[in-house]
Amino acid sequence: MFQRPEKNEYPDYFVPYVDLVPEGDLVRLLKENLEKTVSLFEGISDEVSLHRYAPGKWSIKEVLGHITDTERIMSYRLLRVGRGDQTPLAGFNENDYVQAAQTNNLSLNTILEDFKAVRHATITLIQNLPNQAWENKGNANGMEITTRAIAYIIAGHQMHHCKIVEDRYL
């Protein structure tokens, strides 16, 4: 389908996410990580889902909401860049999004269902992009980025935050 992105295809602040993604079939990985994420969050009670590992940190519900919002935004970027759209795409403030989402007022199951829907849409988008779209370049948050880099960032971002939930919250 496409190759792993080179480091010059995305901003440096995404390096930790891309580095988390192992070699292999990215679609298969996204599907496997969907199952792992569902399993991780299904095992958390609504009471525990309000836990913050330190003052000022997001709750477990907020982390899952953040993963979902970020994937939704990055998938939109993937669509735009993948279609050859050169229009600069705005950045976003993750803390503002978490606050505005008010995910602590939702059940963890509701947030998880939203994540599943977004991940399924991401997978079909990636599966259906034409081969030539993977090297397209666009501009997001004032920085140049390729379609394939965005796909890897989506995978790595979710992996990063699930590891934090496992290590710091549970």
N, C-alpha and C. Protein backbone atom coordinates (compact mmCIF):
# COMPACT_ATOMS: atom_id res chain seq x y z
N MET A 1 0.84 -1.20 0.00
CA MET A 1 0.00 0.00 0.00
C MET A 1 0.88 1.25 0.00
N PHE A 2 1.64 1.47 1.05
CA PHE A 2 2.51 2.64 1.13
C PHE A 2 3.61 2.36 2.13
N GLN A 3 4.63 3.17 2.08
CA GLN A 3 5.77 2.97 2.95
C GLN A 3 5.71 3.88 4.17
N ARG A 4 6.47 3.50 5.17
CA ARG A 4 6.62 4.30 6.38
C ARG A 4 7.13 5.69 5.98
N PRO A 5 6.63 6.74 6.60
CA PRO A 5 7.08 8.09 6.24
C PRO A 5 8.51 8.36 6.70
N GLU A 6 9.19 9.18 5.95
CA GLU A 6 10.53 9.65 6.33
C GLU A 6 10.36 10.78 7.35
N LYS A 7 11.38 11.03 8.15
CA LYS A 7 11.29 12.06 9.20
C LYS A 7 11.07 13.47 8.64
N ASN A 8 11.42 13.70 7.37
CA ASN A 8 11.21 15.02 6.77
C ASN A 8 9.79 15.21 6.24
N GLU A 9 8.90 14.25 6.47
CA GLU A 9 7.53 14.32 5.98
C GLU A 9 6.54 14.83 7.03
N TYR A 10 7.03 15.15 8.21
CA TYR A 10 6.13 15.60 9.29
C TYR A 10 6.94 16.40 10.30
N PRO A 11 6.25 17.24 11.08
CA PRO A 11 6.95 18.05 12.09
C PRO A 11 7.59 17.17 13.18
N ASP A 12 8.67 17.68 13.75
CA ASP A 12 9.43 16.95 14.77
C ASP A 12 8.58 16.54 15.97
N TYR A 13 7.57 17.34 16.32
CA TYR A 13 6.80 17.01 17.51
C TYR A 13 5.95 15.75 17.33
N PHE A 14 5.85 15.23 16.10
CA PHE A 14 5.14 13.97 15.87
C PHE A 14 6.06 12.75 15.87
N VAL A 15 7.36 12.96 15.98
CA VAL A 15 8.32 11.85 15.95
C VAL A 15 7.98 10.78 16.99
N PRO A 16 7.67 11.12 18.24
CA PRO A 16 7.37 10.07 19.22
C PRO A 16 6.19 9.18 18.81
N TYR A 17 5.19 9.76 18.17
CA TYR A 17 4.04 8.97 17.74
C TYR A 17 4.41 8.04 16.59
N VAL A 18 5.06 8.57 15.58
CA VAL A 18 5.44 7.75 14.42
C VAL A 18 6.39 6.64 14.85
N ASP A 19 7.31 6.94 15.76
CA ASP A 19 8.27 5.94 16.23
C ASP A 19 7.61 4.77 16.97
N LEU A 20 6.43 4.99 17.53
CA LEU A 20 5.72 3.91 18.23
C LEU A 20 5.13 2.88 17.28
N VAL A 21 4.92 3.25 16.04
CA VAL A 21 4.23 2.38 15.09
C VAL A 21 5.22 1.35 14.55
N PRO A 22 4.94 0.07 14.78
CA PRO A 22 5.87 -0.96 14.30
C PRO A 22 5.79 -1.13 12.78
N GLU A 23 6.79 -1.78 12.23
CA GLU A 23 6.77 -2.11 10.81
C GLU A 23 5.60 -3.06 10.55
N GLY A 24 5.10 -3.04 9.34
CA GLY A 24 4.04 -3.97 8.97
C GLY A 24 2.85 -3.27 8.37
N ASP A 25 1.78 -4.00 8.27
CA ASP A 25 0.54 -3.54 7.65
C ASP A 25 -0.18 -2.56 8.58
N LEU A 26 -0.24 -1.30 8.18
CA LEU A 26 -0.83 -0.27 9.03
C LEU A 26 -2.32 -0.50 9.25
N VAL A 27 -3.05 -0.94 8.24
CA VAL A 27 -4.49 -1.19 8.41
C VAL A 27 -4.71 -2.30 9.43
N ARG A 28 -3.93 -3.35 9.33
CA ARG A 28 -4.05 -4.45 10.30
C ARG A 28 -3.77 -3.93 11.71
N LEU A 29 -2.74 -3.10 11.84
CA LEU A 29 -2.40 -2.52 13.14
C LEU A 29 -3.55 -1.67 13.68
N LEU A 30 -4.14 -0.84 12.83
CA LEU A 30 -5.26 0.00 13.26
C LEU A 30 -6.44 -0.85 13.74
N LYS A 31 -6.69 -1.95 13.05
CA LYS A 31 -7.77 -2.86 13.46
C LYS A 31 -7.44 -3.54 14.78
N GLU A 32 -6.21 -4.02 14.91
CA GLU A 32 -5.79 -4.66 16.16
C GLU A 32 -5.85 -3.68 17.33
N ASN A 33 -5.40 -2.45 17.09
CA ASN A 33 -5.41 -1.46 18.17
C ASN A 33 -6.81 -0.99 18.51
N LEU A 34 -7.73 -1.08 17.57
CA LEU A 34 -9.14 -0.83 17.87
C LEU A 34 -9.61 -1.86 18.90
N GLU A 35 -9.32 -3.12 18.63
CA GLU A 35 -9.74 -4.18 19.56
C GLU A 35 -9.07 -4.02 20.92
N LYS A 36 -7.78 -3.69 20.93
CA LYS A 36 -7.06 -3.51 22.20
C LYS A 36 -7.62 -2.33 22.99
N THR A 37 -7.95 -1.25 22.29
CA THR A 37 -8.48 -0.06 22.96
C THR A 37 -9.85 -0.35 23.54
N VAL A 38 -10.68 -1.03 22.78
CA VAL A 38 -12.01 -1.40 23.29
C VAL A 38 -11.86 -2.27 24.53
N SER A 39 -10.98 -3.25 24.47
CA SER A 39 -10.76 -4.14 25.61
C SER A 39 -10.26 -3.36 26.83
N LEU A 40 -9.33 -2.44 26.60
CA LEU A 40 -8.79 -1.63 27.70
C LEU A 40 -9.89 -0.81 28.38
N PHE A 41 -10.66 -0.10 27.60
CA PHE A 41 -11.64 0.82 28.18
C PHE A 41 -12.91 0.13 28.65
N GLU A 42 -13.27 -1.01 28.05
CA GLU A 42 -14.46 -1.75 28.52
C GLU A 42 -14.26 -2.27 29.93
N GLY A 43 -13.02 -2.47 30.33
CA GLY A 43 -12.74 -2.98 31.65
C GLY A 43 -12.69 -1.93 32.74
N ILE A 44 -13.04 -0.70 32.41
CA ILE A 44 -12.97 0.41 33.37
C ILE A 44 -14.38 0.82 33.76
N SER A 45 -14.64 0.92 35.05
CA SER A 45 -15.97 1.34 35.52
C SER A 45 -16.15 2.85 35.30
N ASP A 46 -17.39 3.29 35.29
CA ASP A 46 -17.66 4.73 35.15
C ASP A 46 -17.04 5.50 36.31
N GLU A 47 -17.03 4.91 37.50
CA GLU A 47 -16.43 5.58 38.66
C GLU A 47 -14.93 5.77 38.46
N VAL A 48 -14.24 4.70 38.05
CA VAL A 48 -12.79 4.76 37.83
C VAL A 48 -12.47 5.67 36.64
N SER A 49 -13.39 5.75 35.67
CA SER A 49 -13.13 6.55 34.47
C SER A 49 -13.03 8.04 34.75
N LEU A 50 -13.41 8.47 35.93
CA LEU A 50 -13.28 9.88 36.31
C LEU A 50 -11.94 10.17 37.00
N HIS A 51 -11.14 9.12 37.19
CA HIS A 51 -9.84 9.24 37.88
C HIS A 51 -8.87 10.09 37.07
N ARG A 52 -8.12 10.91 37.78
CA ARG A 52 -7.01 11.69 37.23
C ARG A 52 -5.77 11.25 38.01
N TYR A 53 -4.68 10.97 37.31
CA TYR A 53 -3.51 10.47 38.02
C TYR A 53 -2.76 11.58 38.75
N ALA A 54 -3.08 12.84 38.45
CA ALA A 54 -2.47 13.98 39.15
C ALA A 54 -3.38 15.18 38.97
N PRO A 55 -3.29 16.15 39.88
CA PRO A 55 -4.11 17.36 39.73
C PRO A 55 -3.82 18.05 38.38
N GLY A 56 -4.87 18.49 37.73
CA GLY A 56 -4.73 19.19 36.45
C GLY A 56 -4.61 18.28 35.25
N LYS A 57 -4.54 16.96 35.46
CA LYS A 57 -4.46 16.01 34.35
C LYS A 57 -5.87 15.60 33.94
N TRP A 58 -6.00 15.11 32.74
CA TRP A 58 -7.31 14.68 32.25
C TRP A 58 -7.77 13.41 32.95
N SER A 59 -9.08 13.24 33.02
CA SER A 59 -9.64 11.98 33.51
C SER A 59 -9.49 10.93 32.41
N ILE A 60 -9.74 9.68 32.77
CA ILE A 60 -9.69 8.60 31.77
C ILE A 60 -10.70 8.88 30.66
N LYS A 61 -11.89 9.33 31.02
CA LYS A 61 -12.90 9.67 30.00
C LYS A 61 -12.38 10.77 29.07
N GLU A 62 -11.73 11.75 29.65
CA GLU A 62 -11.20 12.85 28.83
C GLU A 62 -10.08 12.38 27.91
N VAL A 63 -9.27 11.44 28.38
CA VAL A 63 -8.21 10.91 27.53
C VAL A 63 -8.82 10.21 26.32
N LEU A 64 -9.83 9.37 26.54
CA LEU A 64 -10.47 8.68 25.42
C LEU A 64 -11.17 9.67 24.49
N GLY A 65 -11.79 10.68 25.04
CA GLY A 65 -12.40 11.72 24.21
C GLY A 65 -11.34 12.45 23.39
N HIS A 66 -10.18 12.72 23.99
CA HIS A 66 -9.08 13.37 23.29
C HIS A 66 -8.56 12.49 22.15
N ILE A 67 -8.38 11.19 22.41
CA ILE A 67 -7.94 10.27 21.36
C ILE A 67 -8.91 10.34 20.19
N THR A 68 -10.20 10.33 20.49
CA THR A 68 -11.23 10.33 19.45
C THR A 68 -11.26 11.64 18.69
N ASP A 69 -11.26 12.75 19.40
CA ASP A 69 -11.26 14.07 18.72
C ASP A 69 -10.04 14.23 17.83
N THR A 70 -8.88 13.83 18.34
CA THR A 70 -7.65 13.98 17.57
C THR A 70 -7.68 13.09 16.33
N GLU A 71 -8.16 11.88 16.47
CA GLU A 71 -8.25 11.00 15.30
C GLU A 71 -9.22 11.57 14.27
N ARG A 72 -10.30 12.12 14.73
CA ARG A 72 -11.28 12.73 13.81
C ARG A 72 -10.64 13.89 13.04
N ILE A 73 -9.91 14.73 13.74
CA ILE A 73 -9.24 15.88 13.10
C ILE A 73 -8.14 15.39 12.16
N MET A 74 -7.34 14.46 12.60
CA MET A 74 -6.24 13.96 11.77
C MET A 74 -6.77 13.20 10.55
N SER A 75 -7.88 12.50 10.68
CA SER A 75 -8.48 11.82 9.53
C SER A 75 -8.98 12.83 8.51
N TYR A 76 -9.53 13.93 8.99
CA TYR A 76 -9.95 15.00 8.08
C TYR A 76 -8.73 15.56 7.34
N ARG A 77 -7.65 15.76 8.06
CA ARG A 77 -6.42 16.21 7.42
C ARG A 77 -5.94 15.18 6.40
N LEU A 78 -6.01 13.90 6.76
CA LEU A 78 -5.60 12.84 5.85
C LEU A 78 -6.45 12.89 4.57
N LEU A 79 -7.74 13.07 4.72
CA LEU A 79 -8.63 13.19 3.56
C LEU A 79 -8.23 14.37 2.69
N ARG A 80 -8.07 15.53 3.28
CA ARG A 80 -7.75 16.73 2.52
C ARG A 80 -6.41 16.60 1.80
N VAL A 81 -5.38 16.19 2.52
CA VAL A 81 -4.05 16.06 1.91
C VAL A 81 -4.07 14.92 0.89
N GLY A 82 -4.73 13.83 1.23
CA GLY A 82 -4.81 12.69 0.32
C GLY A 82 -5.51 13.02 -0.99
N ARG A 83 -6.40 13.97 -0.96
CA ARG A 83 -7.12 14.39 -2.17
C ARG A 83 -6.37 15.49 -2.92
N GLY A 84 -5.20 15.86 -2.41
CA GLY A 84 -4.39 16.86 -3.09
C GLY A 84 -4.74 18.29 -2.76
N ASP A 85 -5.55 18.50 -1.73
CA ASP A 85 -5.95 19.85 -1.33
C ASP A 85 -4.75 20.56 -0.70
N GLN A 86 -4.39 21.68 -1.23
CA GLN A 86 -3.24 22.45 -0.74
C GLN A 86 -3.63 23.57 0.23
N THR A 87 -4.91 23.69 0.54
CA THR A 87 -5.37 24.72 1.47
C THR A 87 -4.76 24.49 2.85
N PRO A 88 -4.11 25.49 3.43
CA PRO A 88 -3.57 25.32 4.78
C PRO A 88 -4.68 24.97 5.78
N LEU A 89 -4.39 23.99 6.62
CA LEU A 89 -5.35 23.51 7.61
C LEU A 89 -4.95 24.03 8.99
N ALA A 90 -5.91 24.51 9.72
CA ALA A 90 -5.66 25.11 11.03
C ALA A 90 -5.26 24.06 12.06
N GLY A 91 -4.53 24.50 13.05
CA GLY A 91 -4.23 23.66 14.20
C GLY A 91 -5.39 23.69 15.18
N PHE A 92 -5.23 23.05 16.32
CA PHE A 92 -6.25 23.08 17.37
C PHE A 92 -5.58 22.95 18.72
N ASN A 93 -6.25 23.47 19.74
CA ASN A 93 -5.73 23.39 21.10
C ASN A 93 -6.41 22.21 21.79
N GLU A 94 -5.65 21.16 22.05
CA GLU A 94 -6.22 19.94 22.61
C GLU A 94 -6.90 20.18 23.96
N ASN A 95 -6.36 21.07 24.78
CA ASN A 95 -6.98 21.33 26.08
C ASN A 95 -8.33 22.01 25.93
N ASP A 96 -8.44 22.93 24.98
CA ASP A 96 -9.73 23.58 24.73
C ASP A 96 -10.77 22.57 24.26
N TYR A 97 -10.34 21.64 23.40
CA TYR A 97 -11.27 20.62 22.91
C TYR A 97 -11.74 19.71 24.03
N VAL A 98 -10.82 19.30 24.90
CA VAL A 98 -11.19 18.43 26.02
C VAL A 98 -12.20 19.14 26.92
N GLN A 99 -11.93 20.39 27.21
CA GLN A 99 -12.85 21.15 28.08
C GLN A 99 -14.22 21.31 27.42
N ALA A 100 -14.24 21.65 26.14
CA ALA A 100 -15.51 21.89 25.44
C ALA A 100 -16.31 20.60 25.25
N ALA A 101 -15.64 19.46 25.15
CA ALA A 101 -16.33 18.19 24.92
C ALA A 101 -17.16 17.74 26.12
N GLN A 102 -16.75 18.11 27.31
CA GLN A 102 -17.44 17.72 28.54
C GLN A 102 -17.69 16.22 28.62
N THR A 103 -16.67 15.44 28.26
CA THR A 103 -16.83 13.99 28.23
C THR A 103 -17.10 13.38 29.60
N ASN A 104 -16.73 14.07 30.67
CA ASN A 104 -17.03 13.53 32.00
C ASN A 104 -18.53 13.44 32.25
N ASN A 105 -19.34 14.14 31.45
CA ASN A 105 -20.80 14.07 31.57
C ASN A 105 -21.39 12.91 30.77
N LEU A 106 -20.57 12.20 30.02
CA LEU A 106 -21.02 11.08 29.21
C LEU A 106 -20.60 9.77 29.87
N SER A 107 -21.29 8.69 29.50
CA SER A 107 -20.84 7.39 29.99
C SER A 107 -19.58 7.00 29.22
N LEU A 108 -18.74 6.21 29.85
CA LEU A 108 -17.54 5.74 29.18
C LEU A 108 -17.91 4.93 27.94
N ASN A 109 -18.99 4.18 28.02
CA ASN A 109 -19.44 3.39 26.88
C ASN A 109 -19.81 4.28 25.69
N THR A 110 -20.45 5.40 25.94
CA THR A 110 -20.81 6.33 24.87
C THR A 110 -19.55 6.87 24.19
N ILE A 111 -18.56 7.23 24.98
CA ILE A 111 -17.31 7.75 24.43
C ILE A 111 -16.60 6.65 23.63
N LEU A 112 -16.63 5.44 24.14
CA LEU A 112 -16.00 4.31 23.46
C LEU A 112 -16.69 4.01 22.13
N GLU A 113 -18.01 4.09 22.10
CA GLU A 113 -18.74 3.88 20.84
C GLU A 113 -18.36 4.94 19.81
N ASP A 114 -18.16 6.16 20.26
CA ASP A 114 -17.73 7.23 19.36
C ASP A 114 -16.35 6.92 18.81
N PHE A 115 -15.43 6.48 19.68
CA PHE A 115 -14.10 6.12 19.21
C PHE A 115 -14.18 5.01 18.16
N LYS A 116 -14.98 3.99 18.42
CA LYS A 116 -15.09 2.88 17.47
C LYS A 116 -15.59 3.37 16.10
N ALA A 117 -16.57 4.25 16.10
CA ALA A 117 -17.10 4.78 14.84
C ALA A 117 -16.02 5.57 14.08
N VAL A 118 -15.29 6.39 14.80
CA VAL A 118 -14.24 7.19 14.18
C VAL A 118 -13.14 6.27 13.64
N ARG A 119 -12.73 5.27 14.41
CA ARG A 119 -11.67 4.37 13.95
C ARG A 119 -12.11 3.59 12.71
N HIS A 120 -13.35 3.14 12.70
CA HIS A 120 -13.83 2.43 11.51
C HIS A 120 -13.79 3.34 10.29
N ALA A 121 -14.17 4.59 10.45
CA ALA A 121 -14.13 5.55 9.34
C ALA A 121 -12.69 5.81 8.90
N THR A 122 -11.77 5.89 9.85
CA THR A 122 -10.36 6.08 9.51
C THR A 122 -9.84 4.90 8.69
N ILE A 123 -10.18 3.71 9.12
CA ILE A 123 -9.72 2.51 8.41
C ILE A 123 -10.24 2.49 6.98
N THR A 124 -11.51 2.76 6.78
CA THR A 124 -12.04 2.72 5.41
C THR A 124 -11.43 3.83 4.56
N LEU A 125 -11.18 4.98 5.14
CA LEU A 125 -10.53 6.06 4.40
C LEU A 125 -9.15 5.62 3.93
N ILE A 126 -8.38 5.06 4.83
CA ILE A 126 -7.03 4.61 4.50
C ILE A 126 -7.06 3.49 3.45
N GLN A 127 -7.96 2.55 3.62
CA GLN A 127 -8.06 1.43 2.68
C GLN A 127 -8.42 1.88 1.27
N ASN A 128 -9.16 2.96 1.16
CA ASN A 128 -9.68 3.37 -0.14
C ASN A 128 -8.93 4.50 -0.82
N LEU A 129 -7.86 4.99 -0.20
CA LEU A 129 -7.07 6.03 -0.86
C LEU A 129 -6.28 5.43 -2.02
N PRO A 130 -6.25 6.13 -3.15
CA PRO A 130 -5.43 5.64 -4.27
C PRO A 130 -3.94 5.66 -3.91
N ASN A 131 -3.18 4.76 -4.50
CA ASN A 131 -1.75 4.64 -4.19
C ASN A 131 -0.99 5.95 -4.33
N GLN A 132 -1.30 6.73 -5.36
CA GLN A 132 -0.55 7.97 -5.58
C GLN A 132 -0.83 9.03 -4.52
N ALA A 133 -1.90 8.86 -3.74
CA ALA A 133 -2.26 9.86 -2.73
C ALA A 133 -1.33 9.85 -1.52
N TRP A 134 -0.62 8.73 -1.29
CA TRP A 134 0.15 8.57 -0.07
C TRP A 134 1.34 9.50 0.04
N GLU A 135 1.84 10.00 -1.07
CA GLU A 135 2.99 10.91 -1.04
C GLU A 135 2.57 12.38 -1.16
N ASN A 136 1.28 12.64 -1.24
CA ASN A 136 0.81 14.03 -1.33
C ASN A 136 1.30 14.81 -0.13
N LYS A 137 1.59 16.09 -0.37
CA LYS A 137 2.01 16.99 0.70
C LYS A 137 0.95 18.06 0.89
N GLY A 138 0.75 18.40 2.15
CA GLY A 138 -0.17 19.47 2.50
C GLY A 138 0.42 20.29 3.63
N ASN A 139 -0.39 21.19 4.16
CA ASN A 139 0.05 22.06 5.22
C ASN A 139 -0.99 22.02 6.34
N ALA A 140 -0.55 21.61 7.52
CA ALA A 140 -1.43 21.59 8.70
C ALA A 140 -0.72 22.28 9.84
N ASN A 141 -1.40 23.21 10.45
CA ASN A 141 -0.84 23.95 11.59
C ASN A 141 0.47 24.64 11.20
N GLY A 142 0.53 25.11 9.95
CA GLY A 142 1.70 25.85 9.48
C GLY A 142 2.90 24.99 9.12
N MET A 143 2.73 23.68 9.10
CA MET A 143 3.85 22.78 8.83
C MET A 143 3.51 21.83 7.69
N GLU A 144 4.52 21.48 6.88
CA GLU A 144 4.31 20.54 5.79
C GLU A 144 4.18 19.12 6.33
N ILE A 145 3.28 18.35 5.70
CA ILE A 145 3.03 16.98 6.15
C ILE A 145 2.51 16.17 4.97
N THR A 146 2.81 14.86 4.96
CA THR A 146 2.33 13.99 3.89
C THR A 146 1.15 13.15 4.38
N THR A 147 0.44 12.62 3.42
CA THR A 147 -0.69 11.75 3.72
C THR A 147 -0.24 10.57 4.58
N ARG A 148 0.83 9.90 4.15
CA ARG A 148 1.25 8.71 4.89
C ARG A 148 1.74 9.05 6.29
N ALA A 149 2.32 10.22 6.47
CA ALA A 149 2.73 10.62 7.82
C ALA A 149 1.50 10.79 8.71
N ILE A 150 0.46 11.38 8.19
CA ILE A 150 -0.76 11.57 8.99
C ILE A 150 -1.32 10.22 9.44
N ALA A 151 -1.32 9.23 8.54
CA ALA A 151 -1.84 7.91 8.89
C ALA A 151 -1.03 7.30 10.04
N TYR A 152 0.28 7.44 9.99
CA TYR A 152 1.13 6.91 11.07
C TYR A 152 0.94 7.69 12.36
N ILE A 153 0.75 8.99 12.26
CA ILE A 153 0.52 9.81 13.46
C ILE A 153 -0.77 9.38 14.14
N ILE A 154 -1.81 9.10 13.36
CA ILE A 154 -3.08 8.63 13.93
C ILE A 154 -2.84 7.37 14.76
N ALA A 155 -2.14 6.41 14.18
CA ALA A 155 -1.89 5.14 14.88
C ALA A 155 -1.05 5.37 16.13
N GLY A 156 0.04 6.12 16.00
CA GLY A 156 0.94 6.33 17.12
C GLY A 156 0.34 7.15 18.24
N HIS A 157 -0.49 8.13 17.90
CA HIS A 157 -1.14 8.96 18.92
C HIS A 157 -2.02 8.11 19.82
N GLN A 158 -2.81 7.26 19.22
CA GLN A 158 -3.70 6.39 20.00
C GLN A 158 -2.88 5.44 20.86
N MET A 159 -1.82 4.87 20.31
CA MET A 159 -0.96 3.96 21.06
C MET A 159 -0.33 4.67 22.26
N HIS A 160 0.14 5.89 22.03
CA HIS A 160 0.76 6.69 23.09
C HIS A 160 -0.20 6.89 24.27
N HIS A 161 -1.41 7.31 23.98
CA HIS A 161 -2.34 7.62 25.07
C HIS A 161 -2.86 6.35 25.76
N CYS A 162 -3.02 5.27 25.03
CA CYS A 162 -3.44 4.02 25.69
C CYS A 162 -2.35 3.54 26.64
N LYS A 163 -1.11 3.70 26.26
CA LYS A 163 0.01 3.33 27.15
C LYS A 163 -0.01 4.19 28.42
N ILE A 164 -0.30 5.46 28.27
CA ILE A 164 -0.40 6.34 29.45
C ILE A 164 -1.53 5.88 30.36
N VAL A 165 -2.67 5.52 29.79
CA VAL A 165 -3.79 5.03 30.60
C VAL A 165 -3.36 3.77 31.37
N GLU A 166 -2.71 2.86 30.68
CA GLU A 166 -2.26 1.63 31.34
C GLU A 166 -1.23 1.91 32.43
N ASP A 167 -0.28 2.79 32.16
CA ASP A 167 0.83 3.02 33.09
C ASP A 167 0.51 3.96 34.23
N ARG A 168 -0.28 4.99 33.98
CA ARG A 168 -0.48 6.03 34.99
C ARG A 168 -1.86 6.03 35.64
N TYR A 169 -2.84 5.43 34.99
CA TYR A 169 -4.20 5.50 35.52
C TYR A 169 -4.65 4.18 36.15
N LEU A 170 -4.20 3.07 35.59
CA LEU A 170 -4.73 1.78 36.05
C LEU A 170 -3.74 1.02 36.91
